[in-house]
Protein backbone atom coordinates (compact mmCIF):
# COMPACT_ATOMS: atom_id res chain seq x y z
CA UNK A 1 -0.01 -0.03 0.00
CA UNK A 2 2.74 2.41 0.94
CA UNK A 3 4.44 1.93 -2.42
CA UNK A 4 1.20 2.64 -4.26
CA UNK A 5 0.62 5.92 -2.39
CA UNK A 6 4.26 6.86 -2.79
CA UNK A 7 4.13 6.30 -6.55
CA UNK A 8 0.97 8.40 -6.96
CA UNK A 9 2.05 11.29 -4.71
CA UNK A 10 5.66 11.56 -6.03
CA UNK A 11 4.29 12.25 -9.47
CA UNK A 12 2.25 15.16 -8.13
CA UNK A 13 4.75 17.11 -6.04
CA UNK A 14 7.62 19.42 -7.08
CA UNK A 15 9.96 18.23 -4.30
CA UNK A 16 9.67 14.41 -4.04
CA UNK A 17 12.86 14.23 -1.94
CA UNK A 18 11.02 16.05 0.91
CA UNK A 19 8.08 13.69 0.80
CA UNK A 20 7.71 11.39 3.86
CA UNK A 21 5.17 8.57 3.90
CA UNK A 22 4.76 6.55 7.04
CA UNK A 23 2.44 3.70 8.00
CA UNK A 24 0.87 2.62 11.27
CA UNK A 25 -0.87 -0.67 11.57
CA UNK A 26 -3.50 -1.47 14.20
CA UNK A 27 -5.06 -4.91 13.68
CA UNK A 28 -6.75 -4.80 10.29
CA UNK A 29 -6.64 -1.00 10.03
CA UNK A 30 -3.67 0.53 8.14
CA UNK A 31 -3.07 4.22 8.48
CA UNK A 32 -0.92 5.92 5.85
CA UNK A 33 0.38 9.35 6.74
CA UNK A 34 1.67 11.69 4.00
CA UNK A 35 3.94 14.61 4.94
CA UNK A 36 5.20 17.03 2.33
CA UNK A 37 6.29 20.67 1.87
CA UNK A 38 3.60 23.32 2.38
CA UNK A 39 3.77 24.22 -1.34
CA UNK A 40 3.15 20.60 -2.31
CA UNK A 41 0.27 19.88 0.08
CA UNK A 42 -2.09 21.87 -2.15
CA UNK A 43 -1.10 19.74 -5.14
CA UNK A 44 -1.75 16.54 -3.22
CA UNK A 45 -5.16 17.72 -2.00
CA UNK A 46 -6.24 19.31 -5.29
CA UNK A 47 -9.14 21.62 -5.96
CA UNK A 48 -11.99 20.91 -3.50
CA UNK A 49 -10.07 17.84 -2.36
CA UNK A 50 -10.67 15.89 -5.58
CA UNK A 51 -7.09 14.48 -5.89
CA UNK A 52 -6.99 13.42 -2.24
CA UNK A 53 -10.38 11.78 -2.62
CA UNK A 54 -9.19 9.89 -5.75
CA UNK A 55 -6.03 8.70 -3.91
CA UNK A 56 -8.15 7.43 -1.02
CA UNK A 57 -10.58 5.70 -3.38
CA UNK A 58 -7.75 3.85 -5.22
CA UNK A 59 -6.03 2.82 -1.99
CA UNK A 60 -9.33 1.63 -0.40
CA UNK A 61 -10.24 -0.47 -3.42
CA UNK A 62 -6.82 -2.18 -3.52
CA UNK A 63 -6.98 -2.76 0.25
CA UNK A 64 -10.31 -4.51 -0.09
CA UNK A 65 -8.56 -7.30 -1.94
CA UNK A 66 -6.30 -7.74 1.08
CA UNK A 67 -9.18 -7.63 3.53
CA UNK A 68 -7.88 -4.52 5.29
CA UNK A 69 -9.18 -1.01 5.98
CA UNK A 70 -6.94 1.87 5.04
CA UNK A 71 -6.98 5.45 6.19
CA UNK A 72 -4.95 8.03 4.19
CA UNK A 73 -4.06 11.13 6.17
CA UNK A 74 -2.36 14.24 4.66
CA UNK A 75 -0.32 16.45 7.00
């Protein structure tokens, strides 16, 4: 999951070297936390949150195959 999110987000930001993606696992819930530069956060979220929503949808659908629940958080 982390690799999938990293692939998608790195293609959106200007400074991929400052991108930090961490995961926390609690039972069957996986939490993916994205930290980036302030200038890049807007690109990850997108207008009215459409890009962030699309990232969450893709990750959730791929997590369903594994039988897990995924939360994507952008800081």
